[in-house]
Each structure stands twice: as C-alpha cells, then as structure tokens.
C-alpha cells in the first residue's frame, strides 16, 4: 500500500471483489469493492494500514465535497 510518502506491505489474500459502480467511457469511473484477509498476525502493520486508510477516506471525502460544490 502506498499513500504519499507512506508505504506498507502486509501479506494478505483477496477474498471477495465486486463492481460497485460501472460508468463506461473515457470520463467514466468504475468502482470496485474488495475484501482482504490478512494472512499473518501483524498488529503494528494492521494499525498502520488503518491509519493510511483513514487518511485516504478523509481525502476522498474532501474531494467529493469539492466536486459537489463545482470546484
């Protein structure tokens, strides 16, 4: 996982993956939802992943609000 300057690797496997939203064309955005199973117990790595994901969600929310406002 890479987020800005932060990088993290966790041994995992994909247990599910589905198309959440499909919009064709050059301007379309397809959204996938995947589920992971962490293969090994790595509490520090999982905690770091949670922090990175929280930052990603916050950034996405800010972007969505800006788009809704027309910026």
C-alpha atoms as a PDB file:
ATOM      1  CA  UNK A   1       0.000   0.000   0.000  1.00  0.00           C
ATOM      2  CA  UNK A   2       1.377   3.421  -0.921  1.00  0.00           C
ATOM      3  CA  UNK A   3      -0.032   6.744   0.248  1.00  0.00           C
ATOM      4  CA  UNK A   4       2.101   9.800  -0.369  1.00  0.00           C
ATOM      5  CA  UNK A   5       5.408   9.125   1.329  1.00  0.00           C
ATOM      6  CA  UNK A   6       3.995   6.287   3.428  1.00  0.00           C
ATOM      7  CA  UNK A   7       4.441   2.699   2.299  1.00  0.00           C
ATOM      8  CA  UNK A   8       3.238  -0.523   3.879  1.00  0.00           C
ATOM      9  CA  UNK A   9       3.255  -4.195   2.977  1.00  0.00           C
ATOM     10  CA  UNK A  10       1.025  -6.836   4.575  1.00  0.00           C
ATOM     11  CA  UNK A  11       0.711 -10.463   3.488  1.00  0.00           C
ATOM     12  CA  UNK A  12      -2.944 -10.907   2.511  1.00  0.00           C
ATOM     13  CA  UNK A  13      -5.268 -12.545   0.018  1.00  0.00           C
ATOM     14  CA  UNK A  14      -8.333 -11.223  -1.776  1.00  0.00           C
ATOM     15  CA  UNK A  15     -11.470 -12.993  -0.512  1.00  0.00           C
ATOM     16  CA  UNK A  16     -14.047 -11.005  -2.467  1.00  0.00           C
ATOM     17  CA  UNK A  17     -14.206  -8.467  -5.269  1.00  0.00           C
ATOM     18  CA  UNK A  18     -17.210  -6.933  -6.983  1.00  0.00           C
ATOM     19  CA  UNK A  19     -18.040  -3.996  -9.230  1.00  0.00           C
ATOM     20  CA  UNK A  20     -19.723  -1.412  -7.034  1.00  0.00           C
ATOM     21  CA  UNK A  21     -20.390   1.106  -9.813  1.00  0.00           C
ATOM     22  CA  UNK A  22     -19.705   0.956 -13.543  1.00  0.00           C
ATOM     23  CA  UNK A  23     -19.681   4.030 -15.763  1.00  0.00           C
ATOM     24  CA  UNK A  24     -18.364   3.383 -19.294  1.00  0.00           C
ATOM     25  CA  UNK A  25     -16.427   5.830 -21.458  1.00  0.00           C
ATOM     26  CA  UNK A  26     -13.327   7.948 -21.087  1.00  0.00           C
ATOM     27  CA  UNK A  27     -14.873  10.050 -18.318  1.00  0.00           C
ATOM     28  CA  UNK A  28     -16.484   7.086 -16.557  1.00  0.00           C
ATOM     29  CA  UNK A  29     -15.226   5.781 -13.260  1.00  0.00           C
ATOM     30  CA  UNK A  30     -15.635   2.156 -12.305  1.00  0.00           C
ATOM     31  CA  UNK A  31     -15.542   1.471  -8.582  1.00  0.00           C
ATOM     32  CA  UNK A  32     -14.586  -1.929  -7.205  1.00  0.00           C
ATOM     33  CA  UNK A  33     -15.080  -3.165  -3.635  1.00  0.00           C
ATOM     34  CA  UNK A  34     -12.651  -5.824  -2.429  1.00  0.00           C
ATOM     35  CA  UNK A  35     -12.299  -7.750   0.803  1.00  0.00           C
ATOM     36  CA  UNK A  36      -8.927  -8.845   2.149  1.00  0.00           C
ATOM     37  CA  UNK A  37      -7.912 -11.488   4.629  1.00  0.00           C
ATOM     38  CA  UNK A  38      -4.614 -10.767   6.364  1.00  0.00           C
ATOM     39  CA  UNK A  39      -2.560 -13.957   6.277  1.00  0.00           C
ATOM     40  CA  UNK A  40      -0.361 -13.320   9.294  1.00  0.00           C
ATOM     41  CA  UNK A  41      -0.919 -11.620  12.613  1.00  0.00           C
ATOM     42  CA  UNK A  42       0.824  -8.273  12.261  1.00  0.00           C
ATOM     43  CA  UNK A  43      -0.790  -5.872  14.754  1.00  0.00           C
ATOM     44  CA  UNK A  44       1.592  -2.974  14.042  1.00  0.00           C
ATOM     45  CA  UNK A  45       1.160  -3.299  10.280  1.00  0.00           C
ATOM     46  CA  UNK A  46      -2.626  -3.559  10.565  1.00  0.00           C
ATOM     47  CA  UNK A  47      -2.718  -0.454  12.788  1.00  0.00           C
ATOM     48  CA  UNK A  48      -0.586   1.433  10.246  1.00  0.00           C
ATOM     49  CA  UNK A  49      -2.896   0.275   7.418  1.00  0.00           C
ATOM     50  CA  UNK A  50      -5.912   1.568   9.341  1.00  0.00           C
ATOM     51  CA  UNK A  51      -4.244   4.980   9.706  1.00  0.00           C
ATOM     52  CA  UNK A  52      -3.397   5.150   5.995  1.00  0.00           C
ATOM     53  CA  UNK A  53      -6.929   4.092   5.025  1.00  0.00           C
ATOM     54  CA  UNK A  54      -8.429   6.722   7.340  1.00  0.00           C
ATOM     55  CA  UNK A  55      -6.313   9.397   5.615  1.00  0.00           C
ATOM     56  CA  UNK A  56      -7.396   8.091   2.206  1.00  0.00           C
ATOM     57  CA  UNK A  57     -11.085   8.194   3.191  1.00  0.00           C
ATOM     58  CA  UNK A  58     -10.753  11.730   4.546  1.00  0.00           C
ATOM     59  CA  UNK A  59      -9.014  12.877   1.364  1.00  0.00           C
ATOM     60  CA  UNK A  60     -11.690  11.248  -0.795  1.00  0.00           C
ATOM     61  CA  UNK A  61     -14.452  12.918   1.210  1.00  0.00           C
ATOM     62  CA  UNK A  62     -12.848  16.352   0.786  1.00  0.00           C
ATOM     63  CA  UNK A  63     -12.585  15.720  -2.965  1.00  0.00           C
ATOM     64  CA  UNK A  64     -16.221  14.594  -3.196  1.00  0.00           C
ATOM     65  CA  UNK A  65     -17.439  17.702  -1.336  1.00  0.00           C
ATOM     66  CA  UNK A  66     -15.358  19.941  -3.625  1.00  0.00           C
ATOM     67  CA  UNK A  67     -16.790  18.188  -6.698  1.00  0.00           C
ATOM     68  CA  UNK A  68     -20.339  18.580  -5.377  1.00  0.00           C
ATOM     69  CA  UNK A  69     -19.708  22.293  -4.955  1.00  0.00           C
ATOM     70  CA  UNK A  70     -18.398  22.564  -8.513  1.00  0.00           C
ATOM     71  CA  UNK A  71     -14.694  23.109  -7.783  1.00  0.00           C
END
